[in-house]
Every structure is written in C-alpha cells, then in structure tokens.
Amino acid sequence: METVWIILFILIGTVAGGLQAIGNRRFDAYIRAREDYDEDVDGKMSEKEKEEFQKRKEAEAKLIRMPVKDIVKERPGRLVCCIALGAVGAAGLVLCHGVNAATWTLLAFFTVMILISMIDLDTMEIPFSLNLVILGLGLISLLTFRDVAPFSEITIVSRLIGFVCIGVPLMLINLIRAEAFGGGDIKMMFAAGFLLGWKMILIGFLLGTIIGGVVGVIVLARKAKGGKEHIPFGPSLCAGMAIAVLVGNQIIDWYAGMLTPEYY
C-alpha cells in the first residue's frame, strides 16, 4: 500500500511541477512588465536604453497569458527541472512522514517553494502573493498538523516565535546595512516561520545559509574568471527549509545527542 501512495504522490508532484513551470513563466512576465528603470554604477539609463527597456516591458506584458504549448517550447529544461523537483519532493514527504493531512499541506508548501526559487532565480524577486500563500498554509496547518507527530508539537507559541525569530533579525540587519537581504526573503521567513515553528525554521535558515555560502563561493570563483553571475538567496533558503521539513527532527535529535554525556 505504501508503494501505491508513493507512486500517487510522485504523479501529483509531477503534475505540480508542470504547473510550477507554467506559473514561473507567467510570474516572470508579470514582474518584468512592471520593472522600473535601472540605475547602475554608470548612472541613469540613456534615452535609447530606456526606449529599448520599455519595448522589452511591453513584450513581456503580452506574455503574461502565454499559451502552455509556447511555454513548453520556450523552456523545456525548466519544465523538466520543475517536474523532477516536484516528484522528488513529493516522494520524500511520503517516505519521511507517511500519508496524512500534514503531508498534503507540506506538499503544497514544497510546490510554492519550488515556484519561488525559480522566480527568484529569474527576476531577483519573490512575489508577495506567494508569501501570503505560505502564510495561508500556516493557518491551514493549525488543523492539519494537530494530530500528526512530530508536527503536532508545533504549538501556537512556537509558531509566533518562528514568525519573528528569523524575520526580525534580518530586518534589523537591513537597517544597519541596506539591502543586505531582499524584502521578499524576509517576508518569506516570516510566513514560513509561522507554518513551521521556531525549531524547524531555525534549522532551515541555518541550512539555507550554508547552502547559500557554498553557492556564493562558486559565484565568486566564476566572477574571478570573468563571469557576472549573481545568485539570489531565496532558492538557498527554500532548499534549507525543504531539508528541515524532511529530516529536521533527526538533525535536532543528532545535535541533542552530541550534547549529552552519553555521547562522549
């Protein structure tokens, strides 16, 4: 029976992945169609550059309702990537937590995180509407997590602490150093903190920071060779939270075991 559920979840994750790729392209078009003029280190854009930029905005606006077949033709690699991530994430949830109300909620969370990661990679922006979806899942999880261990241990107090324990420090850091973190990243950590509680969001943030650090080293190495890549932090945070959802409690138990005398 477990095999049947795994296959079912993989199929659902595959479908969700396909929908993510479609949503990804349309969100990209929406964001790019309303972008303001850039002011880079060289100063304001020239009139010719502004004219070209405006034309690109108008072209993107026409792609907000881009037909599915055209999206598949334009981004076959992205489609495959989204489908693979959706299927792997769905299978991982079933294997780690079984089939229950919490798993369905977390499957929706995984779907949103993959979509956020792709959009952030393309546009350096996380749509506020998707952070509201995560917050909505947090409210739904008040019911779906209630009788499912270990998520039943996430009390309302844990959620409220999770809501502020990462988001608030990131906001304070931004006050000291402007734009150290993106506004979308901060809002995402607020919303996800309410969904996951303080323990899981803290683990997710720490893992995301490690992943982001590794990615940063790679980006710096590529820049040293003449590359100009810039990778947003959002996908690393999403990866960290995904790992925390799957094996966060095992990480907590392992770390707690290291601190006990018996471990030595």
Protein backbone atom coordinates (compact mmCIF):
# COMPACT_ATOMS: atom_id res chain seq x y z
CA MET A 1 0.00 0.00 0.00
CA GLU A 2 2.89 2.35 0.79
CA THR A 3 4.24 1.85 -2.72
CA VAL A 4 0.89 2.88 -4.18
CA TRP A 5 0.91 6.10 -2.14
CA ILE A 6 4.49 6.86 -3.16
CA ILE A 7 3.59 6.44 -6.82
CA LEU A 8 0.47 8.59 -6.36
CA PHE A 9 2.44 11.36 -4.69
CA ILE A 10 5.11 11.22 -7.38
CA LEU A 11 2.40 11.65 -10.01
CA ILE A 12 0.90 14.55 -8.10
CA GLY A 13 4.34 16.09 -7.68
CA THR A 14 4.94 15.68 -11.40
CA VAL A 15 1.72 17.49 -12.27
CA ALA A 16 2.50 20.19 -9.70
CA GLY A 17 5.95 20.57 -11.25
CA GLY A 18 4.44 21.17 -14.67
CA LEU A 19 2.11 23.80 -13.21
CA GLN A 20 5.08 25.43 -11.48
CA ALA A 21 6.88 25.82 -14.80
CA ILE A 22 3.81 27.48 -16.30
CA GLY A 23 3.34 29.74 -13.28
CA ASN A 24 7.07 30.51 -13.29
CA ARG A 25 6.98 31.90 -16.84
CA ARG A 26 3.87 33.96 -16.25
CA PHE A 27 5.11 35.41 -12.97
CA ASP A 28 8.38 36.29 -14.70
CA ALA A 29 6.49 38.13 -17.43
CA TYR A 30 4.34 39.98 -14.88
CA ILE A 31 7.35 41.11 -12.84
CA ARG A 32 9.38 42.18 -15.85
CA ALA A 33 6.41 44.05 -17.34
CA ARG A 34 6.27 46.36 -14.31
CA GLU A 35 10.01 46.79 -13.63
CA ASP A 36 11.30 50.32 -13.14
CA TYR A 37 14.28 51.74 -14.97
CA ASP A 38 17.60 50.58 -13.54
CA GLU A 39 20.25 52.96 -12.28
CA ASP A 40 23.57 51.12 -12.35
CA VAL A 41 27.04 52.23 -11.31
CA ASP A 42 27.41 54.20 -14.55
CA GLY A 43 24.41 56.40 -13.80
CA LYS A 44 20.96 56.70 -15.32
CA MET A 45 19.99 54.84 -18.45
CA SER A 46 20.32 56.70 -21.72
CA GLU A 47 17.21 57.59 -23.72
CA LYS A 48 17.96 54.80 -26.19
CA GLU A 49 18.36 52.29 -23.37
CA LYS A 50 15.09 53.48 -21.81
CA GLU A 51 13.33 53.05 -25.14
CA GLU A 52 14.66 49.50 -25.53
CA PHE A 53 13.78 48.74 -21.92
CA GLN A 54 10.22 49.97 -22.47
CA LYS A 55 9.88 47.76 -25.54
CA ARG A 56 11.00 44.74 -23.52
CA LYS A 57 8.45 45.58 -20.82
CA GLU A 58 5.67 45.77 -23.40
CA ALA A 59 6.78 42.48 -24.94
CA GLU A 60 6.79 40.76 -21.52
CA ALA A 61 3.31 42.14 -20.74
CA LYS A 62 2.00 40.25 -23.76
CA LEU A 63 3.48 37.02 -22.37
CA ILE A 64 1.62 37.08 -19.03
CA ARG A 65 -1.01 34.78 -20.58
CA MET A 66 1.46 32.92 -22.76
CA PRO A 67 -0.05 29.63 -24.07
CA VAL A 68 1.14 26.47 -22.35
CA LYS A 69 2.50 24.94 -25.55
CA ASP A 70 4.66 28.01 -26.10
CA ILE A 71 6.00 27.84 -22.55
CA VAL A 72 6.92 24.18 -23.07
CA LYS A 73 8.67 25.05 -26.33
CA GLU A 74 10.50 28.05 -24.84
CA ARG A 75 11.64 26.41 -21.58
CA PRO A 76 11.86 22.62 -21.93
CA GLY A 77 14.79 22.43 -19.49
CA ARG A 78 12.95 24.44 -16.83
CA LEU A 79 9.87 22.23 -17.28
CA VAL A 80 11.91 19.07 -16.72
CA CYS A 81 13.62 20.61 -13.69
CA CYS A 82 10.32 21.62 -12.06
CA ILE A 83 8.77 18.21 -12.73
CA ALA A 84 11.81 16.43 -11.27
CA LEU A 85 11.86 18.61 -8.15
CA GLY A 86 8.13 18.19 -7.65
CA ALA A 87 8.31 14.41 -7.96
CA VAL A 88 11.36 14.06 -5.68
CA GLY A 89 9.87 16.38 -3.06
CA ALA A 90 6.55 14.53 -3.04
CA ALA A 91 8.23 11.14 -2.72
CA GLY A 92 10.46 12.43 0.06
CA LEU A 93 7.48 13.68 2.06
CA VAL A 94 5.71 10.32 1.89
CA LEU A 95 8.84 8.38 2.78
CA CYS A 96 9.69 10.66 5.73
CA HIS A 97 6.23 11.40 7.12
CA GLY A 98 3.76 8.93 5.62
CA VAL A 99 0.39 9.89 4.19
CA ASN A 100 -1.65 12.22 6.38
CA ALA A 101 -3.15 15.70 6.46
CA ALA A 102 0.22 17.27 7.33
CA THR A 103 1.87 15.69 4.28
CA TRP A 104 -0.69 17.21 1.93
CA THR A 105 -0.13 20.64 3.47
CA LEU A 106 3.63 20.28 3.18
CA LEU A 107 3.30 19.13 -0.43
CA ALA A 108 1.58 22.43 -1.18
CA PHE A 109 4.39 24.22 0.69
CA PHE A 110 7.03 22.41 -1.35
CA THR A 111 5.21 23.38 -4.55
CA VAL A 112 5.22 27.05 -3.57
CA MET A 113 8.90 26.93 -2.55
CA ILE A 114 9.96 25.47 -5.89
CA LEU A 115 7.97 28.16 -7.69
CA ILE A 116 9.51 30.89 -5.52
CA SER A 117 13.01 29.54 -6.18
CA MET A 118 12.56 29.59 -9.94
CA ILE A 119 11.04 33.08 -9.99
CA ASP A 120 13.75 34.45 -7.70
CA LEU A 121 16.46 32.98 -9.93
CA ASP A 122 14.93 34.66 -12.97
CA THR A 123 13.91 38.05 -11.56
CA MET A 124 15.63 38.50 -8.17
CA GLU A 125 12.16 38.99 -6.70
CA ILE A 126 9.76 36.90 -4.62
CA PRO A 127 6.09 37.74 -5.31
CA PHE A 128 4.29 38.91 -2.18
CA SER A 129 1.26 36.84 -3.18
CA LEU A 130 3.26 33.61 -2.82
CA ASN A 131 4.36 34.60 0.68
CA LEU A 132 0.69 35.14 1.50
CA VAL A 133 0.02 31.60 0.24
CA ILE A 134 2.65 30.27 2.67
CA LEU A 135 1.04 32.23 5.49
CA GLY A 136 -2.33 30.78 4.46
CA LEU A 137 -0.85 27.28 4.63
CA GLY A 138 0.31 28.15 8.13
CA LEU A 139 -3.28 28.88 9.12
CA ILE A 140 -4.47 25.66 7.47
CA SER A 141 -1.76 23.70 9.29
CA LEU A 142 -3.32 24.69 12.62
CA LEU A 143 -5.81 21.95 11.74
CA THR A 144 -3.78 19.58 9.56
CA PHE A 145 -0.75 19.38 11.90
CA ARG A 146 -2.83 18.92 15.03
CA ASP A 147 -2.81 15.11 15.33
CA VAL A 148 0.30 14.28 13.26
CA ALA A 149 3.64 13.77 15.01
CA PRO A 150 6.12 15.46 15.01
CA PHE A 151 4.21 18.45 13.61
CA SER A 152 1.64 18.31 16.39
CA GLU A 153 4.42 19.59 18.66
CA ILE A 154 4.39 22.93 16.80
CA THR A 155 2.27 24.96 19.21
CA ILE A 156 0.88 28.42 18.57
CA VAL A 157 3.66 29.83 20.79
CA SER A 158 6.26 28.01 18.69
CA ARG A 159 4.66 29.46 15.56
CA LEU A 160 4.68 33.00 16.90
CA ILE A 161 8.34 32.67 17.90
CA GLY A 162 9.07 31.19 14.48
CA PHE A 163 7.27 34.13 12.88
CA VAL A 164 9.73 36.62 14.37
CA CYS A 165 12.93 34.73 15.22
CA ILE A 166 14.41 34.93 11.71
CA GLY A 167 12.44 37.67 10.01
CA VAL A 168 13.02 40.33 12.67
CA PRO A 169 16.84 39.88 12.86
CA LEU A 170 17.02 40.04 9.06
CA MET A 171 15.05 43.30 9.13
CA LEU A 172 17.42 44.73 11.75
CA ILE A 173 20.43 43.72 9.66
CA ASN A 174 18.87 45.54 6.72
CA LEU A 175 18.60 48.69 8.85
CA ILE A 176 22.32 48.51 9.55
CA ARG A 177 23.31 47.53 6.04
CA ALA A 178 20.79 48.47 3.38
CA GLU A 179 19.59 45.62 1.14
CA ALA A 180 21.71 43.00 2.89
CA PHE A 181 18.69 40.73 2.44
CA GLY A 182 15.87 41.01 -0.05
CA GLY A 183 12.48 42.12 1.19
CA GLY A 184 10.90 39.04 -0.34
CA ASP A 185 13.31 36.76 1.54
CA ILE A 186 12.40 38.43 4.83
CA LYS A 187 8.65 38.18 4.21
CA MET A 188 9.08 34.53 3.24
CA MET A 189 10.84 33.77 6.52
CA PHE A 190 8.07 35.49 8.47
CA ALA A 191 5.40 33.38 6.74
CA ALA A 192 7.35 30.11 6.79
CA GLY A 193 8.23 30.64 10.44
CA PHE A 194 4.54 30.68 11.34
CA LEU A 195 3.98 27.49 9.34
CA LEU A 196 6.97 25.51 10.63
CA GLY A 197 7.56 26.85 14.14
CA TRP A 198 10.81 28.20 15.55
CA LYS A 199 12.82 24.97 15.67
CA MET A 200 12.26 23.97 12.07
CA ILE A 201 12.58 27.48 10.64
CA LEU A 202 15.84 27.98 12.55
CA ILE A 203 17.26 24.74 11.15
CA GLY A 204 16.02 25.67 7.68
CA PHE A 205 17.66 29.09 7.87
CA LEU A 206 20.98 27.67 9.09
CA LEU A 207 20.98 25.05 6.32
CA GLY A 208 19.97 27.67 3.78
CA THR A 209 22.83 29.91 4.91
CA ILE A 210 25.31 27.06 4.50
CA ILE A 211 23.94 26.26 1.04
CA GLY A 212 23.99 29.96 0.13
CA GLY A 213 27.59 30.23 1.31
CA VAL A 214 28.67 27.34 -0.89
CA VAL A 215 26.83 28.84 -3.86
CA GLY A 216 28.42 32.21 -3.09
CA VAL A 217 31.90 30.73 -3.22
CA ILE A 218 31.12 29.19 -6.61
CA VAL A 219 29.75 32.51 -7.90
CA LEU A 220 32.84 34.38 -6.70
CA ALA A 221 35.06 31.82 -8.40
CA ARG A 222 33.15 32.27 -11.66
CA LYS A 223 33.39 36.05 -11.36
CA ALA A 224 37.14 35.75 -10.91
CA LYS A 225 37.19 34.02 -14.29
CA GLY A 226 35.19 36.77 -15.95
CA GLY A 227 31.65 35.66 -15.14
CA LYS A 228 28.98 38.09 -13.97
CA GLU A 229 26.55 35.71 -12.30
CA HIS A 230 24.59 36.84 -9.27
CA ILE A 231 22.58 34.24 -7.37
CA PRO A 232 19.68 35.27 -5.11
CA PHE A 233 19.40 33.94 -1.55
CA GLY A 234 15.79 32.77 -1.83
CA PRO A 235 16.47 29.40 -3.51
CA SER A 236 19.06 28.53 -0.84
CA LEU A 237 16.56 29.36 1.91
CA CYS A 238 13.92 27.23 0.19
CA ALA A 239 16.36 24.31 -0.09
CA GLY A 240 17.25 24.66 3.59
CA MET A 241 13.59 24.67 4.63
CA ALA A 242 12.86 21.65 2.45
CA ILE A 243 15.64 19.69 4.17
CA ALA A 244 14.38 20.85 7.56
CA VAL A 245 10.86 19.66 6.78
CA LEU A 246 12.13 16.24 5.69
CA VAL A 247 14.78 15.49 8.32
CA GLY A 248 14.75 18.46 10.69
CA ASN A 249 13.78 16.40 13.73
CA GLN A 250 16.55 13.88 13.05
CA ILE A 251 19.01 16.79 12.91
CA ILE A 252 17.70 18.09 16.25
CA ASP A 253 17.99 14.63 17.83
CA TRP A 254 21.51 14.20 16.47
CA TYR A 255 22.62 17.57 17.79
CA ALA A 256 20.97 16.99 21.17
CA GLY A 257 22.73 13.63 21.37
CA MET A 258 26.08 15.32 20.82
CA LEU A 259 25.45 17.48 23.87
CA THR A 260 24.64 14.62 26.24
CA PRO A 261 27.37 12.98 28.36
CA GLU A 262 26.49 9.55 26.96
CA TYR A 263 27.61 10.72 23.53
CA TYR A 264 31.16 11.03 24.79
